[in-house]
Amino acid sequence: MAEVERPEVKEKKKGRNWVAPVIGFAAGSVVGAVTALLYAPQSGKETREKIKERVSEVSDKAGALIEQSREAIEDAKEKMTHAYEDAVDRTSSVISQAKEKLGTKKKDLPEE
């Protein structure tokens, strides 16, 4: 019989490996931009200004990616907290029901 994955498991698998490619893309962009600027036919001062601008742009993009990562982590943390609380509630309910049944069964037992 085929196992059915819970939606939480599918969601977890879907969002796992996005950080490494994003970092690789950002690093590649920086290297490509700096290389292009260094080989462009212009004065040193212009090159330094363009490098400064590109570094600023990449820094802004990195900051945005970091903020998105923080938000994703906060969302995951919130979901895990809710899942934990739900599990605790369900476990407590099952324990209460088991105690009630045990109490009922205990009353039904003959005394020794």
Protein backbone atom coordinates (compact mmCIF):
# COMPACT_ATOMS: atom_id res chain seq x y z
CA MET A 1 0.00 0.00 0.00
CA ALA A 2 1.44 3.37 -0.95
CA GLU A 3 2.16 5.79 1.86
CA VAL A 4 0.53 9.19 1.74
CA GLU A 5 2.70 12.10 2.83
CA ARG A 6 1.22 14.67 5.13
CA PRO A 7 1.01 18.22 3.72
CA GLU A 8 3.53 19.48 6.31
CA VAL A 9 6.12 16.96 5.06
CA LYS A 10 5.55 17.93 1.44
CA GLU A 11 5.87 21.62 2.33
CA LYS A 12 9.10 20.96 4.23
CA LYS A 13 10.63 19.06 1.33
CA LYS A 14 9.54 21.72 -1.15
CA GLY A 15 11.24 24.61 0.67
CA ARG A 16 14.51 22.96 1.68
CA ASN A 17 17.31 23.83 -0.69
CA TRP A 18 16.80 27.36 -1.92
CA VAL A 19 19.47 29.16 0.12
CA ALA A 20 22.57 27.68 -1.53
CA PRO A 21 21.48 28.51 -5.11
CA VAL A 22 20.57 32.06 -4.10
CA ILE A 23 23.96 32.60 -2.46
CA GLY A 24 25.69 31.08 -5.49
CA PHE A 25 23.75 33.33 -7.82
CA ALA A 26 24.61 36.43 -5.78
CA ALA A 27 28.30 35.51 -5.60
CA GLY A 28 28.38 34.83 -9.35
CA SER A 29 26.72 38.17 -10.04
CA VAL A 30 29.32 40.01 -7.97
CA VAL A 31 32.24 38.23 -9.64
CA GLY A 32 30.78 38.82 -13.10
CA ALA A 33 30.09 42.49 -12.44
CA VAL A 34 33.55 43.17 -11.03
CA THR A 35 35.21 41.29 -13.89
CA ALA A 36 33.22 43.24 -16.47
CA LEU A 37 34.10 46.53 -14.83
CA LEU A 38 37.81 45.72 -14.60
CA TYR A 39 38.00 44.83 -18.28
CA ALA A 40 35.93 47.79 -19.48
CA PRO A 41 37.87 50.55 -21.28
CA GLN A 42 37.56 53.46 -18.83
CA SER A 43 39.62 55.39 -16.31
CA GLY A 44 40.50 53.98 -12.89
CA LYS A 45 38.33 56.56 -11.15
CA GLU A 46 35.29 55.62 -13.24
CA THR A 47 35.95 51.93 -12.63
CA ARG A 48 36.17 52.45 -8.86
CA GLU A 49 32.90 54.40 -8.90
CA LYS A 50 31.14 51.70 -10.89
CA ILE A 51 32.50 49.00 -8.56
CA LYS A 52 31.27 51.02 -5.59
CA GLU A 53 27.81 51.31 -7.20
CA ARG A 54 27.67 47.59 -7.99
CA VAL A 55 28.76 46.63 -4.49
CA SER A 56 26.02 48.89 -3.12
CA GLU A 57 23.41 47.27 -5.41
CA VAL A 58 24.51 43.76 -4.45
CA SER A 59 24.55 44.74 -0.79
CA ASP A 60 20.97 45.99 -1.08
CA LYS A 61 19.89 42.79 -2.82
CA ALA A 62 21.67 40.68 -0.18
CA GLY A 63 19.91 42.65 2.54
CA ALA A 64 16.57 41.98 0.88
CA LEU A 65 17.38 38.26 0.60
CA ILE A 66 18.39 38.17 4.26
CA GLU A 67 15.12 39.84 5.22
CA GLN A 68 13.16 37.34 3.14
CA SER A 69 15.08 34.52 4.83
CA ARG A 70 14.28 35.94 8.26
CA GLU A 71 10.60 36.15 7.34
CA ALA A 72 10.63 32.56 6.05
CA ILE A 73 12.31 31.41 9.26
CA GLU A 74 9.78 33.29 11.38
CA ASP A 75 6.92 31.73 9.40
CA ALA A 76 8.42 28.27 9.86
CA LYS A 77 8.94 28.93 13.55
CA GLU A 78 5.33 30.03 13.92
CA LYS A 79 4.05 26.95 12.07
CA MET A 80 6.20 24.68 14.23
CA THR A 81 4.98 26.39 17.40
CA HIS A 82 1.36 25.88 16.34
CA ALA A 83 2.05 22.27 15.39
CA TYR A 84 3.72 21.66 18.76
CA GLU A 85 0.85 23.27 20.68
CA ASP A 86 -1.66 21.26 18.67
CA ALA A 87 0.23 18.04 19.40
CA VAL A 88 0.35 18.88 23.10
CA ASP A 89 -3.40 19.59 23.13
CA ARG A 90 -4.22 16.35 21.32
CA THR A 91 -1.90 14.35 23.58
CA SER A 92 -3.43 15.89 26.69
CA SER A 93 -6.90 15.06 25.39
CA VAL A 94 -5.94 11.45 24.70
CA ILE A 95 -4.35 11.14 28.15
CA SER A 96 -7.50 12.56 29.79
CA GLN A 97 -9.69 10.14 27.87
CA ALA A 98 -7.43 7.23 28.82
CA LYS A 99 -7.56 8.24 32.50
CA GLU A 100 -11.35 8.42 32.34
CA LYS A 101 -11.59 4.96 30.76
CA LEU A 102 -9.08 3.58 33.23
CA GLY A 103 -11.10 5.02 36.09
CA THR A 104 -14.27 3.46 34.71
CA LYS A 105 -12.59 0.09 34.20
CA LYS A 106 -11.06 0.25 37.68
CA LYS A 107 -14.52 0.70 39.20
CA ASP A 108 -15.75 -2.36 37.30
CA LEU A 109 -12.98 -4.61 38.67
CA PRO A 110 -13.93 -6.85 41.57
CA GLU A 111 -12.34 -5.86 44.86
CA GLU A 112 -9.76 -8.21 46.32
